[in-house]
Amino acid sequence: MANILFVHQNFPGQFKHLAPALARSHSVRALVLRNAPITNWQGVTIHPYQVQRGTSPTVHPWVSDFETKVIRADAAFRAALVLKNAGYNPDLVIAHPGWGESLFIKEVWPNATLGIYCEFFYHANGADVGFDPEFPPADCGNSCRLRLKNLNSLLHFETADAGLAPTQWQANTFPLPFRHQIRVIHDGIDTNTLIPNAQVSVTLNGQLTLTRHDEVITFVNRNLEPYRGYHQFMRALPELLQRRPAARVLIVGNDGVSYGAAPPAGQTWKNIFIQEVRPRIPDHDWARVHFLGSIPYPAFIALLQLSRVHVYLTYPFVLSWSLLEAMSVGCAIVASDTAPLREVIQPANNTGRLVDFFDQRGLIEMICTLLNDAALRDQLGQQARLFAQTHYDLTQVCLPQQLAWVNELLS
């Protein structure tokens, strides 16, 4: 039995399947940035800690991000010292380094093996930054800021023994010297739960009940923002609603910001683009657009099962779990032709259809094409599900590969 320590500011995060699986045969603990007593979660002992200060208001803006990470790393370092002084010594530390917490872990336990979750390495060109000309970087020194934003990752490369990335595209964002240490294994999708359901029904606001007989278009994000193509989807609605008089558009997402710049003060991206398109949408069409906010996971699954066409758009950035979940459910998917999508949405294999992120006309035409062709939708949905089962199934593919990766690190 090995001692395994997870470090993640919002544990379990990406380790919600791996950590409990390891706890069945090893002693597993987690350092978590949280104000709570020591608890146990699915066999994992949770050790919370807190930061003792905030970011300096006068620090140079290019280094404020790194200062925040150092503050968190300092807090995690001192929490780790408490564990060490109590006699705890992990054989393996698995960390998400994105917030800096694991930066000084090897200063406490130099002999522990360190595996890090490699989610994204920032680039001034060729990825998310500068992709959308409508939202250019506000500062001409943005490339300088990004170099410093990567400092946390670069310092982790000096101490980490191995990396884990969920997709090949994300792994490829990292510099070549460390990329060879990264294993590509996705977090995993529960394809036994995320299944098609021809009998599904969803009731909105206790009044409108929709079934698979209804023409439903779905769009899902954690937050409704430009990074995930919300503006492009909204701009397609006036014509789409006009051409599809029976369609219902179901939009899931909160009003905040997960990635990229915040909207102008006092506004939300959601309302900015509603106000832009609303004058071109008659009331009777707008009544068929439903903003659902954040919904419980069972309702999210039902929504995907209900979908006739599912739209997923993104900058060249981290691939959302929701896209793979939609594939597992068997959705007919229209997605943006951006680099992360090409790994999973492959027109040649009929796992979905790709359109240029900025091609509003192409997006509308592709959605309408699929809405008009039930046989094609069924074929795309079946192939998407098969692809998800073959490459991203949690129990048969991803979790066994993750456990094998851990065993390699332990040995």
Protein backbone atom coordinates (compact mmCIF):
# COMPACT_ATOMS: atom_id res chain seq x y z
CA MET A 1 0.00 0.00 0.00
CA ALA A 2 1.41 3.34 -1.07
CA ASN A 3 0.84 6.81 0.36
CA ILE A 4 -0.65 9.01 -2.36
CA LEU A 5 -1.34 12.73 -1.94
CA PHE A 6 -3.50 14.81 -4.28
CA VAL A 7 -3.04 18.57 -4.46
CA HIS A 8 -5.90 20.44 -6.11
CA GLN A 9 -7.38 23.76 -5.03
CA ASN A 10 -10.89 22.50 -5.78
CA PHE A 11 -10.46 18.76 -5.21
CA PRO A 12 -11.54 16.37 -6.62
CA GLY A 13 -11.82 18.30 -9.91
CA GLN A 14 -10.27 16.21 -12.69
CA PHE A 15 -9.44 13.48 -10.16
CA LYS A 16 -13.02 12.67 -9.12
CA HIS A 17 -12.73 9.12 -10.51
CA LEU A 18 -9.03 8.44 -10.07
CA ALA A 19 -8.75 9.38 -6.39
CA PRO A 20 -11.56 7.09 -5.09
CA ALA A 21 -10.27 4.24 -7.28
CA LEU A 22 -6.81 4.58 -5.75
CA ALA A 23 -8.27 4.82 -2.25
CA ARG A 24 -9.54 1.25 -2.59
CA SER A 25 -5.97 -0.10 -2.50
CA HIS A 26 -3.80 2.74 -1.19
CA SER A 27 -3.74 5.35 1.55
CA VAL A 28 -4.96 8.50 -0.21
CA ARG A 29 -5.06 12.06 1.09
CA ALA A 30 -5.73 15.44 -0.51
CA LEU A 31 -4.58 18.98 0.23
CA VAL A 32 -7.46 21.31 -0.56
CA LEU A 33 -7.80 25.09 -0.41
CA ARG A 34 -10.92 25.16 1.72
CA ASN A 35 -12.23 26.50 5.02
CA ALA A 36 -13.48 23.29 6.58
CA PRO A 37 -12.47 20.60 9.07
CA ILE A 38 -10.63 17.43 8.06
CA THR A 39 -13.14 15.16 6.34
CA ASN A 40 -13.29 11.93 4.38
CA TRP A 41 -14.60 11.74 0.81
CA GLN A 42 -14.98 8.34 -0.83
CA GLY A 43 -12.02 6.96 1.12
CA VAL A 44 -9.84 10.06 0.63
CA THR A 45 -8.81 12.03 3.72
CA ILE A 46 -9.25 15.73 2.97
CA HIS A 47 -6.78 18.13 4.62
CA PRO A 48 -8.01 21.71 4.12
CA TYR A 49 -5.84 24.80 4.39
CA GLN A 50 -6.24 28.53 3.78
CA VAL A 51 -4.17 31.37 2.38
CA GLN A 52 -3.06 34.03 4.81
CA ARG A 53 -2.89 37.08 2.53
CA GLY A 54 -4.13 38.49 -0.76
CA THR A 55 -2.40 39.79 -3.85
CA SER A 56 -0.65 43.15 -3.45
CA PRO A 57 -2.75 45.96 -5.00
CA THR A 58 0.32 47.78 -6.33
CA VAL A 59 2.19 44.83 -7.84
CA HIS A 60 2.97 45.04 -11.55
CA PRO A 61 -0.05 43.60 -13.44
CA TRP A 62 2.12 41.22 -15.43
CA VAL A 63 3.27 39.47 -12.25
CA SER A 64 0.07 39.66 -10.19
CA ASP A 65 -0.97 36.24 -11.50
CA PHE A 66 2.33 34.71 -10.39
CA GLU A 67 2.13 36.42 -7.00
CA THR A 68 -1.29 34.84 -6.47
CA LYS A 69 0.15 31.43 -7.32
CA VAL A 70 3.09 31.94 -4.94
CA ILE A 71 0.69 32.93 -2.14
CA ARG A 72 -1.24 29.69 -2.67
CA ALA A 73 1.97 27.67 -3.02
CA ASP A 74 3.19 29.15 0.27
CA ALA A 75 -0.03 28.10 2.02
CA ALA A 76 0.14 24.58 0.57
CA PHE A 77 3.83 24.34 1.47
CA ARG A 78 3.09 25.15 5.12
CA ALA A 79 0.15 22.73 5.20
CA ALA A 80 2.44 20.05 3.80
CA LEU A 81 5.01 20.77 6.51
CA VAL A 82 2.33 20.15 9.14
CA LEU A 83 1.64 16.75 7.58
CA LYS A 84 5.35 15.93 7.38
CA ASN A 85 5.95 16.93 11.01
CA ALA A 86 3.11 14.59 11.95
CA GLY A 87 5.00 11.74 10.28
CA TYR A 88 3.30 11.68 6.88
CA ASN A 89 5.45 11.07 3.80
CA PRO A 90 3.79 10.42 0.43
CA ASP A 91 5.31 8.09 -2.13
CA LEU A 92 3.48 9.90 -4.91
CA VAL A 93 1.99 13.38 -5.24
CA ILE A 94 -0.54 14.01 -8.02
CA ALA A 95 -1.27 17.70 -8.50
CA HIS A 96 -3.09 20.13 -10.71
CA PRO A 97 -0.46 22.88 -10.81
CA GLY A 98 -2.65 25.47 -12.50
CA TRP A 99 -3.17 27.56 -9.36
CA GLY A 100 0.39 27.15 -8.04
CA GLU A 101 -0.28 25.05 -4.93
CA SER A 102 2.17 22.29 -5.80
CA LEU A 103 5.05 24.64 -6.63
CA PHE A 104 7.01 23.88 -3.43
CA ILE A 105 5.83 20.34 -2.69
CA LYS A 106 9.25 18.88 -3.52
CA GLU A 107 10.80 21.24 -0.97
CA VAL A 108 8.87 19.30 1.67
CA TRP A 109 9.12 15.81 0.19
CA PRO A 110 12.12 15.76 -2.21
CA ASN A 111 11.97 11.98 -2.60
CA ALA A 112 8.29 11.82 -3.52
CA THR A 113 7.39 11.29 -7.17
CA LEU A 114 5.41 14.20 -8.59
CA GLY A 115 2.88 13.80 -11.40
CA ILE A 116 1.13 16.92 -12.68
CA TYR A 117 -2.06 17.48 -14.67
CA CYS A 118 -1.07 19.38 -17.82
CA GLU A 119 -4.19 21.29 -18.82
CA PHE A 120 -2.89 24.16 -20.95
CA PHE A 121 0.27 26.10 -21.76
CA TYR A 122 -0.33 29.68 -22.90
CA HIS A 123 0.78 31.05 -26.25
CA ALA A 124 0.73 34.58 -27.63
CA ASN A 125 -0.09 33.18 -31.08
CA GLY A 126 -1.70 30.07 -32.49
CA ALA A 127 -4.10 29.25 -29.67
CA ASP A 128 -6.84 31.18 -27.89
CA VAL A 129 -5.10 34.56 -27.65
CA GLY A 130 -5.67 36.67 -30.75
CA PHE A 131 -7.94 34.03 -32.31
CA ASP A 132 -11.03 36.22 -32.35
CA PRO A 133 -10.33 39.62 -33.97
CA GLU A 134 -13.49 41.00 -32.39
CA PHE A 135 -11.83 40.81 -28.98
CA PRO A 136 -8.14 41.71 -29.43
CA PRO A 137 -5.83 41.82 -26.39
CA ALA A 138 -6.31 45.08 -24.55
CA ASP A 139 -2.57 45.57 -23.93
CA CYS A 140 0.18 45.53 -26.55
CA GLY A 141 2.32 43.85 -23.89
CA ASN A 142 -0.01 40.87 -23.67
CA SER A 143 2.63 38.50 -25.05
CA CYS A 144 4.95 39.61 -22.24
CA ARG A 145 2.24 38.93 -19.68
CA LEU A 146 1.66 35.44 -21.10
CA ARG A 147 5.35 34.56 -20.87
CA LEU A 148 5.20 35.35 -17.17
CA LYS A 149 1.87 33.53 -16.82
CA ASN A 150 3.69 30.38 -17.94
CA LEU A 151 6.35 30.81 -15.27
CA ASN A 152 4.40 28.59 -12.88
CA SER A 153 4.34 25.75 -15.42
CA LEU A 154 8.02 26.17 -16.28
CA LEU A 155 9.00 25.93 -12.63
CA HIS A 156 6.90 22.80 -12.24
CA PHE A 157 8.77 21.19 -15.14
CA GLU A 158 11.93 21.32 -13.01
CA THR A 159 10.42 19.20 -10.25
CA ALA A 160 7.70 17.09 -11.89
CA ASP A 161 8.53 13.53 -12.87
CA ALA A 162 5.62 13.08 -15.28
CA GLY A 163 2.56 14.79 -16.71
CA LEU A 164 -0.97 13.81 -17.62
CA ALA A 165 -3.03 15.62 -20.30
CA PRO A 166 -6.63 14.88 -21.30
CA THR A 167 -6.18 15.41 -25.06
CA GLN A 168 -3.31 15.31 -27.51
CA TRP A 169 -3.94 18.91 -28.55
CA GLN A 170 -3.62 20.10 -24.94
CA ALA A 171 -0.43 18.09 -24.50
CA ASN A 172 0.95 19.66 -27.68
CA THR A 173 0.59 23.16 -26.25
CA PHE A 174 3.45 22.37 -23.85
CA PRO A 175 7.12 22.94 -24.73
CA LEU A 176 8.93 20.04 -26.36
CA PRO A 177 11.43 19.37 -23.55
CA PHE A 178 8.61 18.50 -21.13
CA ARG A 179 6.07 17.24 -23.66
CA HIS A 180 7.87 13.89 -23.82
CA GLN A 181 7.00 13.34 -20.16
CA ILE A 182 3.26 13.88 -20.73
CA ARG A 183 0.92 10.91 -21.09
CA VAL A 184 -2.36 11.62 -22.92
CA ILE A 185 -5.25 10.04 -20.99
CA HIS A 186 -8.64 11.68 -20.74
CA ASP A 187 -10.45 12.05 -17.40
CA GLY A 188 -13.11 9.68 -18.71
CA ILE A 189 -16.80 9.77 -19.63
CA ASP A 190 -19.40 7.53 -18.01
CA THR A 191 -20.82 6.12 -21.23
CA ASN A 192 -23.04 3.73 -19.25
CA THR A 193 -24.93 6.68 -17.75
CA LEU A 194 -24.67 9.00 -20.74
CA ILE A 195 -26.84 6.93 -23.09
CA PRO A 196 -29.48 7.70 -25.71
CA ASN A 197 -33.08 7.69 -24.48
CA ALA A 198 -35.87 7.79 -27.04
CA GLN A 199 -38.47 8.13 -24.27
CA VAL A 200 -36.96 11.20 -22.62
CA SER A 201 -39.11 14.22 -21.81
CA VAL A 202 -38.15 17.56 -20.31
CA THR A 203 -40.56 20.04 -18.76
CA LEU A 204 -39.57 23.72 -18.75
CA ASN A 205 -40.91 26.04 -16.06
CA GLY A 206 -43.50 23.46 -15.09
CA GLN A 207 -45.45 24.25 -18.27
CA LEU A 208 -43.81 23.22 -21.54
CA THR A 209 -42.99 19.52 -21.99
CA LEU A 210 -40.63 18.55 -24.80
CA THR A 211 -39.91 15.07 -26.16
CA ARG A 212 -37.88 13.54 -28.97
CA HIS A 213 -40.77 14.43 -31.29
CA ASP A 214 -39.91 18.13 -30.86
CA GLU A 215 -37.25 19.92 -32.86
CA VAL A 216 -34.74 20.85 -30.15
CA ILE A 217 -31.41 22.62 -30.69
CA THR A 218 -29.08 22.66 -27.69
CA PHE A 219 -26.12 24.84 -26.73
CA VAL A 220 -24.23 24.23 -23.47
CA ASN A 221 -21.45 26.09 -21.66
CA ARG A 222 -20.45 26.61 -18.05
CA ASN A 223 -20.70 30.35 -18.72
CA LEU A 224 -22.11 32.07 -21.80
CA GLU A 225 -19.10 33.92 -23.20
CA PRO A 226 -17.15 34.53 -26.43
CA TYR A 227 -14.47 31.89 -25.67
CA ARG A 228 -17.12 29.23 -26.19
CA GLY A 229 -18.70 30.88 -29.24
CA TYR A 230 -21.80 32.18 -27.51
CA HIS A 231 -21.77 35.35 -29.62
CA GLN A 232 -21.55 33.37 -32.85
CA PHE A 233 -24.44 31.12 -31.85
CA MET A 234 -26.62 34.05 -30.80
CA ARG A 235 -26.00 35.86 -34.09
CA ALA A 236 -27.23 32.78 -35.94
CA LEU A 237 -30.56 32.76 -34.07
CA PRO A 238 -32.58 35.38 -36.02
CA GLU A 239 -32.32 33.49 -39.31
CA LEU A 240 -32.32 30.07 -37.70
CA LEU A 241 -35.57 30.73 -35.85
CA GLN A 242 -37.13 32.16 -39.00
CA ARG A 243 -36.18 29.12 -41.07
CA ARG A 244 -37.19 26.62 -38.39
CA PRO A 245 -40.59 27.80 -37.11
CA ALA A 246 -41.05 24.70 -34.94
CA ALA A 247 -37.60 24.66 -33.36
CA ARG A 248 -36.94 25.18 -29.66
CA VAL A 249 -33.50 26.46 -28.67
CA LEU A 250 -32.31 25.37 -25.22
CA ILE A 251 -29.29 27.26 -23.88
CA VAL A 252 -27.48 26.15 -20.71
CA GLY A 253 -24.93 28.37 -18.99
CA ASN A 254 -24.36 30.94 -16.27
CA ASP A 255 -23.81 34.69 -16.58
CA GLY A 256 -20.19 34.73 -15.38
CA VAL A 257 -16.79 34.43 -17.06
CA SER A 258 -14.72 31.24 -17.09
CA TYR A 259 -12.13 32.32 -19.65
CA GLY A 260 -10.99 35.48 -21.34
CA ALA A 261 -11.82 39.08 -20.60
CA ALA A 262 -14.73 40.21 -18.48
CA PRO A 263 -17.54 42.16 -20.18
CA PRO A 264 -17.85 45.92 -19.67
CA ALA A 265 -18.62 46.90 -16.09
CA GLY A 266 -22.17 46.17 -15.00
CA GLN A 267 -22.94 43.93 -17.97
CA THR A 268 -22.81 40.23 -18.85
CA TRP A 269 -21.83 38.63 -22.14
CA LYS A 270 -25.17 36.87 -22.05
CA ASN A 271 -27.17 40.11 -22.06
CA ILE A 272 -24.82 41.95 -24.42
CA PHE A 273 -25.55 39.51 -27.22
CA ILE A 274 -29.22 39.14 -26.34
CA GLN A 275 -29.53 42.91 -26.77
CA GLU A 276 -27.64 42.72 -30.07
CA VAL A 277 -29.91 40.14 -31.73
CA ARG A 278 -33.23 40.71 -29.99
CA PRO A 279 -34.39 43.57 -32.29
CA ARG A 280 -34.16 41.15 -35.24
CA ILE A 281 -36.21 38.39 -33.57
CA PRO A 282 -40.02 38.72 -33.37
CA ASP A 283 -41.67 37.99 -30.03
CA HIS A 284 -43.23 34.74 -31.25
CA ASP A 285 -39.79 33.46 -32.29
CA TRP A 286 -38.05 34.70 -29.15
CA ALA A 287 -40.57 32.72 -27.09
CA ARG A 288 -38.93 29.59 -28.48
CA VAL A 289 -35.51 30.49 -27.00
CA HIS A 290 -35.06 29.15 -23.47
CA PHE A 291 -32.17 30.18 -21.20
CA LEU A 292 -31.92 27.50 -18.52
CA GLY A 293 -28.97 28.79 -16.51
CA SER A 294 -27.10 26.11 -14.56
CA ILE A 295 -29.01 22.85 -14.26
CA PRO A 296 -28.50 19.65 -12.20
CA TYR A 297 -26.53 16.89 -13.88
CA PRO A 298 -29.50 14.52 -14.41
CA ALA A 299 -31.35 17.37 -16.11
CA PHE A 300 -28.27 18.04 -18.24
CA ILE A 301 -28.22 14.42 -19.41
CA ALA A 302 -31.93 14.58 -20.23
CA LEU A 303 -31.32 17.78 -22.19
CA LEU A 304 -28.68 16.07 -24.33
CA GLN A 305 -30.93 13.05 -24.82
CA LEU A 306 -33.64 15.41 -26.02
CA SER A 307 -31.39 17.27 -28.47
CA ARG A 308 -31.95 16.92 -32.19
CA VAL A 309 -28.85 19.00 -33.02
CA HIS A 310 -26.23 19.95 -30.46
CA VAL A 311 -23.97 22.96 -31.17
CA TYR A 312 -20.52 23.29 -29.61
CA LEU A 313 -18.19 26.18 -30.46
CA THR A 314 -14.88 27.09 -28.90
CA TYR A 315 -11.69 29.06 -29.39
CA PRO A 316 -8.55 26.87 -29.65
CA PHE A 317 -8.62 26.09 -25.94
CA VAL A 318 -9.34 23.33 -23.43
CA LEU A 319 -11.98 20.92 -24.71
CA SER A 320 -15.17 20.86 -22.61
CA TRP A 321 -16.37 17.64 -20.99
CA SER A 322 -19.86 18.53 -22.25
CA LEU A 323 -18.83 17.89 -25.86
CA LEU A 324 -17.72 14.32 -25.12
CA GLU A 325 -20.81 13.80 -22.97
CA ALA A 326 -22.98 14.88 -25.90
CA MET A 327 -21.14 12.39 -28.10
CA SER A 328 -21.74 9.61 -25.57
CA VAL A 329 -25.46 10.39 -25.51
CA GLY A 330 -25.49 10.10 -29.30
CA CYS A 331 -26.12 13.71 -30.25
CA ALA A 332 -25.82 14.90 -33.83
CA ILE A 333 -23.16 17.56 -33.33
CA VAL A 334 -22.25 20.73 -35.20
CA ALA A 335 -18.95 22.05 -33.87
CA SER A 336 -16.41 24.73 -34.68
CA ASP A 337 -13.54 23.73 -36.93
CA THR A 338 -10.92 24.61 -34.33
CA ALA A 339 -7.90 22.49 -33.43
CA PRO A 340 -9.19 20.84 -30.21
CA LEU A 341 -12.35 19.67 -32.00
CA ARG A 342 -10.54 17.94 -34.85
CA GLU A 343 -9.32 15.34 -32.40
CA VAL A 344 -12.86 14.09 -31.72
CA ILE A 345 -15.26 15.48 -34.33
CA GLN A 346 -14.10 13.80 -37.52
CA PRO A 347 -16.35 14.22 -40.56
CA ALA A 348 -14.55 11.36 -42.32
CA ASN A 349 -15.62 9.06 -39.48
CA ASN A 350 -19.06 10.66 -39.21
CA THR A 351 -18.70 11.67 -35.56
CA GLY A 352 -20.10 15.12 -36.31
CA ARG A 353 -19.86 18.10 -38.62
CA LEU A 354 -17.37 20.98 -38.42
CA VAL A 355 -17.93 24.58 -39.51
CA ASP A 356 -15.62 27.56 -39.41
CA PHE A 357 -15.94 29.32 -36.07
CA PHE A 358 -16.62 32.65 -37.79
CA ASP A 359 -18.88 31.33 -40.56
CA GLN A 360 -22.35 32.28 -39.35
CA ARG A 361 -23.93 31.29 -42.66
CA GLY A 362 -22.19 27.92 -42.60
CA LEU A 363 -23.38 27.30 -39.04
CA ILE A 364 -27.00 28.02 -39.94
CA GLU A 365 -26.86 25.87 -43.08
CA MET A 366 -25.29 22.92 -41.27
CA ILE A 367 -27.83 23.00 -38.44
CA CYS A 368 -30.67 23.12 -40.97
CA THR A 369 -29.11 20.34 -43.02
CA LEU A 370 -29.07 18.04 -40.01
CA LEU A 371 -32.57 19.04 -38.92
CA ASN A 372 -33.80 18.07 -42.39
CA ASP A 373 -32.04 14.68 -42.47
CA ALA A 374 -33.05 12.22 -39.76
CA ALA A 375 -30.99 9.40 -41.26
CA LEU A 376 -27.83 11.52 -41.21
CA ARG A 377 -28.51 12.62 -37.63
CA ASP A 378 -28.90 9.01 -36.54
CA GLN A 379 -25.70 8.02 -38.30
CA LEU A 380 -23.72 10.88 -36.75
CA GLY A 381 -25.14 10.16 -33.31
CA GLN A 382 -24.33 6.46 -33.48
CA GLN A 383 -20.80 7.09 -34.69
CA ALA A 384 -20.24 9.79 -32.06
CA ARG A 385 -21.33 7.43 -29.31
CA LEU A 386 -19.16 4.62 -30.64
CA PHE A 387 -16.17 6.99 -30.76
CA ALA A 388 -16.82 8.11 -27.16
CA GLN A 389 -17.13 4.51 -25.97
CA THR A 390 -13.99 3.41 -27.80
CA HIS A 391 -11.72 6.28 -26.77
CA TYR A 392 -13.18 7.96 -23.67
CA ASP A 393 -15.15 5.38 -21.69
CA LEU A 394 -14.37 5.82 -18.02
CA THR A 395 -14.36 2.23 -16.75
CA GLN A 396 -13.03 0.40 -19.81
CA VAL A 397 -10.51 2.87 -21.23
CA CYS A 398 -9.55 5.97 -19.27
CA LEU A 399 -9.53 4.87 -15.62
CA PRO A 400 -7.50 1.70 -16.33
CA GLN A 401 -4.99 3.80 -18.25
CA GLN A 402 -4.81 6.34 -15.41
CA LEU A 403 -4.26 3.57 -12.85
CA ALA A 404 -1.52 2.08 -15.02
CA TRP A 405 0.11 5.53 -15.20
CA VAL A 406 0.01 5.79 -11.40
CA ASN A 407 1.50 2.32 -10.99
CA GLU A 408 4.35 3.29 -13.31
CA LEU A 409 5.05 6.35 -11.17
CA LEU A 410 4.93 4.29 -7.98
CA SER A 411 7.39 1.79 -9.37
